């Protein structure tokens, strides 16, 4: 089993006067003053481990895993970059509690440990840090601002031709692996070059008339690749009991074959039959199949997930909800207000929201929760007197609401919330929550340094 912290603190160099190192030291002190968060990390690291090993590598403690994850999001490092900078930087070694005698950690160990933290753990860490901020008088949660943004998945533009080529390429690669590495007697043909030529031809074709026959041939090739994969499933099912690697390969073939059928169906309906396929029925990536199609203001189209953020007067992020689908902003007000009551045990006194949240029904719901002033950036037929006590309060709250836009921009520019580079929906949620936790820690550290 893992340890929460090292039994003995390693020898560390003293803190220098560099501003960034002072910020990291302040973040380190916040983590030390909130000891429960390392316990939640420890539970994730020990999940499934029963026997405590007395031999082998010592491994990372829960405290080190948490600190490495925060460094990763603070500086937008990959695991390769994180391993190098922790080894190379005196400042980061001190922050991660790695002494002179230790060599640091490999990228594989960092990746495995950081990815083992669940979204529930990040959510609990997030809320515990808000509790610490309330105790320290940094944020009371009495005046809040709410807005939504989109974090994109790490995918290419979901053109039908490119997706069909992806299907042929991935299924063929898996079938080649089954035949060449495991000796499975699978009969199939490699149509990757043909599929690529059709994809490129579609991209450069001028007009639907020239594009149509190319699509028909690409669909035909995709249908063949799916058929090969289906026939291989039965053969591999008989062999998978002898080798766990074959079982994993069979699972992958089933997974990508099912997604390929979906891509084939939606392309056939749109291109051949001329149908309009609803967004909720589309697969925009066989690699990140959880990705949603988000259309903002009937203008911009994004591929990822919508997140709803609540900010406070201290610039801390007080809540972060990662949504599935593309729900309207007007449907989120009640949920976001109730979550504030769960976090602080009471509703805020003042709420400022973007114009997309505005409706008379949402105003009534907010007033029912004893919220004194509710400001929508756009009135949309709602009287100012019904929202706030005076015009002065309304204008003040509307200016206050604009601050969440700068907060979202900061998260995107400095913490990688423009695009999630982690794979899978579970990792997507962990990526977003870890970024928000890192941003809050940095904000709290700067507040403490400013008042010191």
Protein backbone atom coordinates (compact mmCIF):
# COMPACT_ATOMS: atom_id res chain seq x y z
CA UNK A 1 0.00 0.00 0.00
CA UNK A 2 1.07 3.60 -0.59
CA UNK A 3 1.93 6.16 2.05
CA UNK A 4 0.29 9.52 2.55
CA UNK A 5 3.65 11.27 3.04
CA UNK A 6 7.29 10.30 3.37
CA UNK A 7 8.18 9.00 6.81
CA UNK A 8 11.07 11.45 6.94
CA UNK A 9 11.25 14.73 5.07
CA UNK A 10 14.19 14.81 2.60
CA UNK A 11 16.90 17.45 2.70
CA UNK A 12 15.72 20.48 0.72
CA UNK A 13 17.32 23.74 -0.31
CA UNK A 14 15.92 26.95 1.22
CA UNK A 15 13.38 29.05 -0.66
CA UNK A 16 14.82 31.84 -2.79
CA UNK A 17 13.32 35.30 -3.26
CA UNK A 18 12.15 34.61 -6.83
CA UNK A 19 8.43 35.54 -7.14
CA UNK A 20 7.43 32.27 -8.80
CA UNK A 21 9.18 30.19 -6.14
CA UNK A 22 7.46 32.21 -3.42
CA UNK A 23 4.12 31.46 -5.08
CA UNK A 24 4.92 27.74 -5.14
CA UNK A 25 5.92 27.88 -1.48
CA UNK A 26 2.61 29.58 -0.64
CA UNK A 27 0.73 26.84 -2.57
CA UNK A 28 2.75 24.23 -0.67
CA UNK A 29 1.70 25.79 2.63
CA UNK A 30 -1.98 25.71 1.58
CA UNK A 31 -1.68 21.99 0.77
CA UNK A 32 0.01 21.37 4.14
CA UNK A 33 -2.78 23.27 5.92
CA UNK A 34 -5.43 21.16 4.17
CA UNK A 35 -4.20 17.65 5.07
CA UNK A 36 -7.45 15.87 4.14
CA UNK A 37 -6.84 16.27 0.41
CA UNK A 38 -3.81 13.96 0.52
CA UNK A 39 -5.95 11.33 2.24
CA UNK A 40 -8.40 11.34 -0.70
CA UNK A 41 -5.48 10.93 -3.11
CA UNK A 42 -4.16 8.04 -1.01
CA UNK A 43 -7.50 6.22 -1.28
CA UNK A 44 -7.34 6.36 -5.08
CA UNK A 45 -3.72 5.18 -5.14
CA UNK A 46 -4.47 2.24 -2.83
CA UNK A 47 -7.66 1.19 -4.62
CA UNK A 48 -7.26 -2.49 -5.54
CA UNK A 49 -4.02 -2.87 -3.55
CA UNK A 50 -4.25 -5.10 -0.48
CA UNK A 51 -0.71 -6.28 0.27
CA UNK A 52 1.89 -3.80 1.42
CA UNK A 53 5.13 -4.54 -0.45
CA UNK A 54 8.39 -4.47 1.51
CA UNK A 55 10.65 -4.77 -1.54
CA UNK A 56 11.06 -2.97 -4.86
CA UNK A 57 10.88 0.74 -5.65
CA UNK A 58 9.47 2.96 -2.94
CA UNK A 59 7.11 4.75 -5.33
CA UNK A 60 5.40 8.11 -4.98
CA UNK A 61 3.57 9.15 -1.84
CA UNK A 62 0.05 10.59 -2.09
CA UNK A 63 1.39 14.06 -1.29
CA UNK A 64 3.95 13.83 -4.11
CA UNK A 65 1.33 12.65 -6.62
CA UNK A 66 -0.93 15.58 -5.76
CA UNK A 67 1.90 18.09 -5.99
CA UNK A 68 3.13 16.65 -9.31
CA UNK A 69 -0.40 16.87 -10.73
CA UNK A 70 -0.67 20.52 -9.67
CA UNK A 71 2.71 21.33 -11.27
CA UNK A 72 1.58 19.56 -14.43
CA UNK A 73 -1.48 21.82 -14.74
CA UNK A 74 0.23 25.01 -13.52
CA UNK A 75 2.83 24.85 -16.27
CA UNK A 76 0.87 22.81 -18.86
CA UNK A 77 3.51 20.08 -18.92
CA UNK A 78 3.16 16.73 -20.62
CA UNK A 79 4.31 13.70 -18.60
CA UNK A 80 7.63 13.72 -20.48
CA UNK A 81 8.18 17.41 -19.73
CA UNK A 82 7.03 16.96 -16.12
CA UNK A 83 9.56 14.17 -15.51
CA UNK A 84 12.39 16.28 -16.95
CA UNK A 85 11.57 19.51 -15.11
CA UNK A 86 11.07 17.78 -11.75
CA UNK A 87 14.49 16.15 -12.23
CA UNK A 88 16.13 19.34 -13.47
CA UNK A 89 14.54 22.11 -11.37
CA UNK A 90 15.61 22.76 -7.80
CA UNK A 91 12.42 24.74 -7.22
CA UNK A 92 10.08 21.98 -8.48
CA UNK A 93 12.00 19.29 -6.58
CA UNK A 94 11.45 21.27 -3.42
CA UNK A 95 7.76 21.72 -4.14
CA UNK A 96 7.30 17.98 -4.85
CA UNK A 97 9.29 17.06 -1.74
CA UNK A 98 12.11 15.31 -3.61
CA UNK A 99 15.47 15.57 -1.85
CA UNK A 100 19.07 15.67 -3.09
CA UNK A 101 19.50 11.90 -2.98
CA UNK A 102 16.35 11.08 -4.97
CA UNK A 103 16.44 10.80 -8.76
CA UNK A 104 12.90 11.97 -9.38
CA UNK A 105 10.28 9.86 -11.18
CA UNK A 106 9.88 8.43 -14.66
CA UNK A 107 7.19 9.62 -17.03
CA UNK A 108 5.36 6.27 -16.83
CA UNK A 109 5.15 6.47 -13.01
CA UNK A 110 3.92 10.06 -13.14
CA UNK A 111 1.32 9.24 -15.80
CA UNK A 112 0.02 6.13 -14.00
CA UNK A 113 -0.25 7.86 -10.61
CA UNK A 114 -1.78 11.13 -11.80
CA UNK A 115 -4.31 9.34 -14.04
CA UNK A 116 -5.35 7.10 -11.13
CA UNK A 117 -6.99 10.09 -9.42
CA UNK A 118 -10.73 10.05 -10.09
CA UNK A 119 -13.00 12.97 -10.92
CA UNK A 120 -14.74 12.47 -7.53
CA UNK A 121 -11.39 12.96 -5.77
CA UNK A 122 -10.67 16.16 -7.71
CA UNK A 123 -14.18 17.41 -6.87
CA UNK A 124 -13.62 16.78 -3.14
CA UNK A 125 -10.18 18.46 -3.26
CA UNK A 126 -11.80 21.41 -5.05
CA UNK A 127 -14.43 21.82 -2.33
CA UNK A 128 -12.00 21.34 0.56
CA UNK A 129 -9.83 24.14 -0.82
CA UNK A 130 -12.93 26.38 -1.02
CA UNK A 131 -13.55 25.59 2.65
CA UNK A 132 -9.96 26.62 3.44
CA UNK A 133 -10.45 29.85 1.47
CA UNK A 134 -13.59 30.62 3.48
CA UNK A 135 -11.79 30.01 6.79
CA UNK A 136 -8.95 32.30 5.73
CA UNK A 137 -11.41 35.04 4.72
CA UNK A 138 -10.41 34.92 1.05
CA UNK A 139 -13.85 34.05 -0.32
CA UNK A 140 -17.24 33.96 1.42
CA UNK A 141 -19.41 33.09 -1.59
CA UNK A 142 -21.91 35.90 -0.99
CA UNK A 143 -21.66 37.46 -4.47
CA UNK A 144 -21.19 35.13 -7.43
CA UNK A 145 -21.12 35.26 -11.23
CA UNK A 146 -22.03 32.40 -13.56
CA UNK A 147 -21.13 31.74 -17.19
CA UNK A 148 -20.50 28.83 -19.57
CA UNK A 149 -17.69 27.99 -21.95
CA UNK A 150 -16.51 25.05 -24.07
CA UNK A 151 -13.43 22.88 -23.61
CA UNK A 152 -12.61 21.12 -26.86
CA UNK A 153 -11.59 17.49 -27.19
CA UNK A 154 -8.26 16.65 -28.78
CA UNK A 155 -9.66 15.68 -32.20
CA UNK A 156 -9.36 16.84 -35.80
CA UNK A 157 -12.27 18.41 -37.68
CA UNK A 158 -14.94 15.69 -37.99
CA UNK A 159 -15.28 15.56 -41.78
CA UNK A 160 -17.17 12.45 -42.89
CA UNK A 161 -14.44 11.40 -45.34
CA UNK A 162 -11.70 11.69 -42.70
CA UNK A 163 -13.72 9.71 -40.18
CA UNK A 164 -14.37 6.93 -42.69
CA UNK A 165 -10.65 6.75 -43.43
CA UNK A 166 -9.95 6.60 -39.67
CA UNK A 167 -12.32 3.63 -39.40
CA UNK A 168 -10.59 1.72 -42.22
CA UNK A 169 -7.13 2.58 -40.88
CA UNK A 170 -7.78 1.55 -37.27
CA UNK A 171 -9.69 -1.65 -38.05
CA UNK A 172 -7.01 -2.74 -40.53
CA UNK A 173 -4.24 -2.02 -38.03
CA UNK A 174 -5.96 -4.15 -35.38
CA UNK A 175 -6.53 -7.01 -37.83
CA UNK A 176 -2.89 -6.91 -38.94
CA UNK A 177 -1.83 -7.05 -35.29
CA UNK A 178 -4.04 -10.08 -34.67
CA UNK A 179 -2.64 -11.88 -37.72
CA UNK A 180 1.05 -10.97 -37.48
CA UNK A 181 1.62 -10.97 -33.71
CA UNK A 182 -0.79 -13.67 -32.58
CA UNK A 183 -1.05 -15.85 -35.68
CA UNK A 184 -4.84 -15.56 -35.98
CA UNK A 185 -6.06 -17.00 -39.29
CA UNK A 186 -8.08 -14.02 -40.46
CA UNK A 187 -8.86 -13.48 -44.13
CA UNK A 188 -9.01 -9.78 -45.07
CA UNK A 189 -7.60 -7.24 -47.51
CA UNK A 190 -5.74 -4.04 -46.69
CA UNK A 191 -7.70 -1.15 -48.26
CA UNK A 192 -5.89 1.70 -46.48
CA UNK A 193 -4.27 3.18 -49.60
CA UNK A 194 -7.53 3.07 -51.52
CA UNK A 195 -9.41 4.68 -48.65
CA UNK A 196 -6.80 7.43 -48.33
CA UNK A 197 -6.96 8.23 -52.04
CA UNK A 198 -10.76 8.54 -51.85
CA UNK A 199 -10.52 10.76 -48.76
CA UNK A 200 -8.02 13.10 -50.42
CA UNK A 201 -10.10 13.13 -53.61
CA UNK A 202 -13.21 14.14 -51.66
CA UNK A 203 -11.35 17.00 -49.98
CA UNK A 204 -10.17 18.42 -53.32
CA UNK A 205 -13.27 17.63 -55.40
CA UNK A 206 -15.12 20.65 -56.81
CA UNK A 207 -18.84 20.22 -56.35
CA UNK A 208 -21.11 17.47 -55.08
CA UNK A 209 -21.34 15.86 -58.50
CA UNK A 210 -17.65 14.87 -58.45
CA UNK A 211 -17.67 14.15 -54.74
CA UNK A 212 -20.59 11.68 -54.80
CA UNK A 213 -18.89 8.69 -56.55
CA UNK A 214 -15.81 9.09 -54.36
CA UNK A 215 -17.99 8.93 -51.25
CA UNK A 216 -19.77 5.84 -52.58
CA UNK A 217 -16.46 4.01 -53.08
CA UNK A 218 -15.15 5.11 -49.65
CA UNK A 219 -18.36 3.86 -48.02
CA UNK A 220 -17.93 0.56 -49.87
CA UNK A 221 -14.37 0.19 -48.56
CA UNK A 222 -15.48 1.05 -45.02
CA UNK A 223 -18.27 -1.54 -45.21
CA UNK A 224 -15.69 -4.16 -46.21
CA UNK A 225 -13.39 -3.26 -43.30
CA UNK A 226 -16.31 -3.55 -40.86
CA UNK A 227 -17.20 -6.93 -42.34
CA UNK A 228 -13.62 -8.17 -41.87
CA UNK A 229 -13.69 -7.02 -38.25
CA UNK A 230 -17.01 -8.77 -37.59
CA UNK A 231 -15.74 -12.05 -39.01
CA UNK A 232 -12.55 -11.74 -36.96
CA UNK A 233 -14.49 -11.38 -33.72
CA UNK A 234 -15.62 -15.00 -33.78
CA UNK A 235 -12.10 -16.30 -34.50
CA UNK A 236 -10.49 -14.20 -31.77
CA UNK A 237 -13.19 -15.11 -29.25
CA UNK A 238 -12.05 -18.74 -29.42
CA UNK A 239 -8.37 -17.80 -28.93
CA UNK A 240 -8.77 -15.04 -26.30
CA UNK A 241 -9.15 -17.49 -23.40
CA UNK A 242 -5.51 -18.55 -23.86
CA UNK A 243 -3.98 -15.05 -23.90
CA UNK A 244 -5.16 -11.94 -22.05
CA UNK A 245 -3.58 -9.74 -24.75
CA UNK A 246 -5.90 -11.28 -27.34
CA UNK A 247 -8.85 -10.54 -25.07
CA UNK A 248 -7.85 -6.86 -24.97
CA UNK A 249 -7.38 -6.85 -28.76
CA UNK A 250 -10.83 -8.43 -29.25
CA UNK A 251 -12.35 -5.75 -27.02
CA UNK A 252 -10.74 -3.01 -29.10
CA UNK A 253 -11.95 -4.54 -32.37
CA UNK A 254 -15.52 -4.75 -31.05
CA UNK A 255 -15.35 -1.17 -29.79
CA UNK A 256 -14.05 0.36 -33.03
CA UNK A 257 -16.26 -1.83 -35.23
CA UNK A 258 -19.38 -0.55 -33.42
CA UNK A 259 -18.22 3.07 -33.78
CA UNK A 260 -17.35 2.49 -37.44
CA UNK A 261 -20.88 1.25 -38.09
CA UNK A 262 -22.21 4.44 -36.55
CA UNK A 263 -19.92 6.59 -38.71
CA UNK A 264 -20.90 4.60 -41.81
CA UNK A 265 -24.60 4.99 -41.03
CA UNK A 266 -24.50 8.74 -40.42
CA UNK A 267 -22.42 9.36 -43.56
CA UNK A 268 -24.69 7.18 -45.71
CA UNK A 269 -27.77 8.98 -44.43
CA UNK A 270 -26.28 12.44 -45.01
CA UNK A 271 -24.42 11.94 -48.31
CA UNK A 272 -26.38 9.24 -50.13
CA UNK A 273 -29.90 9.72 -48.77
CA UNK A 274 -29.66 13.49 -48.25
CA UNK A 275 -30.91 13.40 -44.64
CA UNK A 276 -30.06 15.86 -41.89
CA UNK A 277 -28.59 13.80 -39.06
CA UNK A 278 -29.33 15.26 -35.57
CA UNK A 279 -26.25 16.23 -33.54
CA UNK A 280 -27.09 13.81 -30.71
CA UNK A 281 -26.98 10.89 -33.17
CA UNK A 282 -23.54 11.75 -34.58
CA UNK A 283 -20.12 10.39 -33.71
CA UNK A 284 -17.54 13.10 -34.33
CA UNK A 285 -14.48 11.00 -33.46
CA UNK A 286 -13.90 7.28 -33.05
CA UNK A 287 -11.00 8.10 -30.70
CA UNK A 288 -12.94 10.50 -28.43
CA UNK A 289 -16.48 9.20 -28.92
CA UNK A 290 -17.76 11.09 -25.87
CA UNK A 291 -17.30 14.42 -27.71
CA UNK A 292 -20.40 16.62 -28.08
CA UNK A 293 -21.22 19.10 -30.82
CA UNK A 294 -21.61 22.52 -29.20
CA UNK A 295 -23.06 25.38 -31.24
CA UNK A 296 -22.63 28.77 -29.56
CA UNK A 297 -24.85 31.71 -30.51
CA UNK A 298 -25.89 29.92 -33.74
CA UNK A 299 -22.47 30.95 -35.03
CA UNK A 300 -19.47 28.99 -33.78
CA UNK A 301 -19.31 25.20 -33.68
CA UNK A 302 -17.10 23.48 -31.12
CA UNK A 303 -16.35 19.81 -30.50
CA UNK A 304 -15.88 18.99 -26.84
CA UNK A 305 -17.95 19.58 -23.73
CA UNK A 306 -19.76 22.53 -22.27
CA UNK A 307 -18.68 23.53 -18.76
CA UNK A 308 -20.52 25.90 -16.44
CA UNK A 309 -18.41 27.97 -14.05
CA UNK A 310 -19.31 29.97 -10.96
CA UNK A 311 -16.85 32.69 -9.92
CA UNK A 312 -16.56 34.72 -6.75
CA UNK A 313 -15.47 38.23 -5.83
CA UNK A 314 -11.95 36.95 -5.06
CA UNK A 315 -11.59 35.56 -8.63
CA UNK A 316 -11.72 32.03 -7.26
CA UNK A 317 -13.76 29.49 -9.24
CA UNK A 318 -16.47 28.41 -6.79
CA UNK A 319 -18.03 25.66 -8.91
CA UNK A 320 -17.37 23.77 -12.14
CA UNK A 321 -19.91 21.49 -13.82
CA UNK A 322 -18.92 19.44 -16.88
CA UNK A 323 -22.03 18.80 -18.95
CA UNK A 324 -22.97 16.16 -21.50
CA UNK A 325 -24.88 17.27 -24.56
CA UNK A 326 -25.63 20.91 -25.25
CA UNK A 327 -28.25 22.01 -22.70
CA UNK A 328 -29.52 25.57 -22.94
CA UNK A 329 -28.12 28.06 -20.42
CA UNK A 330 -31.65 28.74 -19.19
CA UNK A 331 -31.87 25.12 -17.97
CA UNK A 332 -28.78 25.42 -15.76
CA UNK A 333 -29.62 28.27 -13.38
CA UNK A 334 -31.47 26.20 -10.77
CA UNK A 335 -28.74 23.53 -10.74
CA UNK A 336 -25.91 26.04 -10.33
CA UNK A 337 -27.66 27.92 -7.52
CA UNK A 338 -28.46 24.71 -5.64
CA UNK A 339 -24.84 23.61 -5.90
CA UNK A 340 -23.81 26.86 -4.16
CA UNK A 341 -26.14 25.94 -1.33
CA UNK A 342 -24.46 22.50 -1.12
CA UNK A 343 -20.97 24.04 -1.02
CA UNK A 344 -21.58 26.90 1.44
CA UNK A 345 -24.72 25.74 3.25
CA UNK A 346 -26.59 28.83 2.04
CA UNK A 347 -27.47 30.62 -1.16
CA UNK A 348 -25.53 33.74 -2.23
CA UNK A 349 -27.00 37.18 -1.66
CA UNK A 350 -26.22 38.48 -5.15
CA UNK A 351 -25.93 36.63 -8.46
CA UNK A 352 -24.77 38.00 -11.82
CA UNK A 353 -25.41 35.87 -14.91
CA UNK A 354 -24.80 36.05 -18.64
CA UNK A 355 -27.70 37.10 -20.86
CA UNK A 356 -28.21 33.52 -22.07
CA UNK A 357 -29.50 32.55 -18.61
CA UNK A 358 -32.20 35.24 -18.61
CA UNK A 359 -35.84 34.23 -18.25
CA UNK A 360 -38.70 35.18 -15.98
CA UNK A 361 -38.89 31.62 -14.70
CA UNK A 362 -35.22 31.65 -13.67
CA UNK A 363 -35.69 35.01 -11.97
CA UNK A 364 -38.58 33.56 -9.96
CA UNK A 365 -36.51 30.50 -8.99
CA UNK A 366 -33.67 32.73 -7.79
CA UNK A 367 -36.01 34.94 -5.77
CA UNK A 368 -37.61 31.86 -4.19
CA UNK A 369 -34.17 31.00 -2.83
CA UNK A 370 -33.99 34.36 -1.01
CA UNK A 371 -31.39 35.82 -3.39
CA UNK A 372 -31.79 39.59 -3.04
CA UNK A 373 -30.30 40.78 -6.32
CA UNK A 374 -30.26 38.86 -9.61
CA UNK A 375 -28.59 40.50 -12.59
CA UNK A 376 -28.92 39.17 -16.13
CA UNK A 377 -26.51 40.84 -18.56
CA UNK A 378 -29.42 41.14 -21.02
CA UNK A 379 -32.85 42.00 -19.65
CA UNK A 380 -34.88 40.10 -22.30
CA UNK A 381 -38.14 41.75 -21.30
CA UNK A 382 -37.54 41.56 -17.53
CA UNK A 383 -38.02 44.76 -15.55
CA UNK A 384 -34.95 46.06 -13.77
CA UNK A 385 -36.94 46.60 -10.58
CA UNK A 386 -37.84 42.89 -10.50
CA UNK A 387 -34.16 41.87 -10.63
CA UNK A 388 -32.38 44.29 -8.29
CA UNK A 389 -33.14 46.78 -5.54
CA UNK A 390 -31.94 49.73 -7.64
CA UNK A 391 -30.42 50.65 -10.95
CA UNK A 392 -27.11 51.31 -9.17
CA UNK A 393 -26.99 47.71 -7.86
CA UNK A 394 -27.89 46.33 -11.30
CA UNK A 395 -25.11 48.27 -13.06
CA UNK A 396 -22.62 47.27 -10.40
CA UNK A 397 -23.52 43.59 -10.74
CA UNK A 398 -23.43 43.76 -14.53
CA UNK A 399 -19.89 45.15 -14.39
CA UNK A 400 -19.01 42.49 -11.82
CA UNK A 401 -20.29 39.74 -14.15
CA UNK A 402 -17.80 40.77 -16.84
CA UNK A 403 -15.01 39.54 -14.54
CA UNK A 404 -15.92 35.90 -15.21
CA UNK A 405 -14.99 36.44 -18.87
CA UNK A 406 -11.43 37.35 -17.88
CA UNK A 407 -11.35 34.37 -15.52
CA UNK A 408 -12.36 32.00 -18.32
CA UNK A 409 -9.76 33.57 -20.62
CA UNK A 410 -7.08 33.08 -17.94
CA UNK A 411 -8.03 29.43 -17.52
CA UNK A 412 -7.82 28.88 -21.28
CA UNK A 413 -4.53 30.72 -21.79
CA UNK A 414 -2.65 29.62 -18.69
CA UNK A 415 -4.13 26.25 -17.70
CA UNK A 416 -4.92 24.58 -21.00
CA UNK A 417 -8.72 24.76 -20.88
CA UNK A 418 -8.87 25.60 -24.57
CA UNK A 419 -8.36 21.92 -25.44
CA UNK A 420 -8.17 18.79 -23.29
CA UNK A 421 -5.20 16.61 -24.25
CA UNK A 422 -6.12 13.64 -22.02
CA UNK A 423 -7.92 10.68 -23.57
CA UNK A 424 -11.40 9.49 -22.54
CA UNK A 425 -14.35 11.20 -20.83
CA UNK A 426 -13.19 10.27 -17.32
CA UNK A 427 -9.79 11.82 -18.02
CA UNK A 428 -11.50 14.82 -19.65
CA UNK A 429 -13.33 15.57 -16.38
CA UNK A 430 -10.15 15.05 -14.33
CA UNK A 431 -8.22 17.36 -16.67
CA UNK A 432 -10.75 20.19 -16.29
CA UNK A 433 -11.12 19.84 -12.51
CA UNK A 434 -7.34 19.57 -12.00
CA UNK A 435 -6.85 22.76 -14.01
CA UNK A 436 -9.45 24.60 -11.93
CA UNK A 437 -7.88 23.34 -8.68
CA UNK A 438 -4.44 24.55 -9.84
CA UNK A 439 -5.89 27.94 -10.81
CA UNK A 440 -7.60 28.31 -7.42
CA UNK A 441 -4.41 27.37 -5.56
CA UNK A 442 -2.46 29.99 -7.48
CA UNK A 443 -5.13 32.64 -6.81
CA UNK A 444 -5.18 31.81 -3.09
CA UNK A 445 -1.38 31.89 -2.93
CA UNK A 446 -1.25 35.33 -4.57
CA UNK A 447 -3.92 36.65 -2.19
CA UNK A 448 -1.91 35.46 0.81
CA UNK A 449 1.34 36.90 -0.53
CA UNK A 450 -0.36 40.23 -1.19
CA UNK A 451 -1.56 40.49 2.43
CA UNK A 452 1.66 39.16 3.98
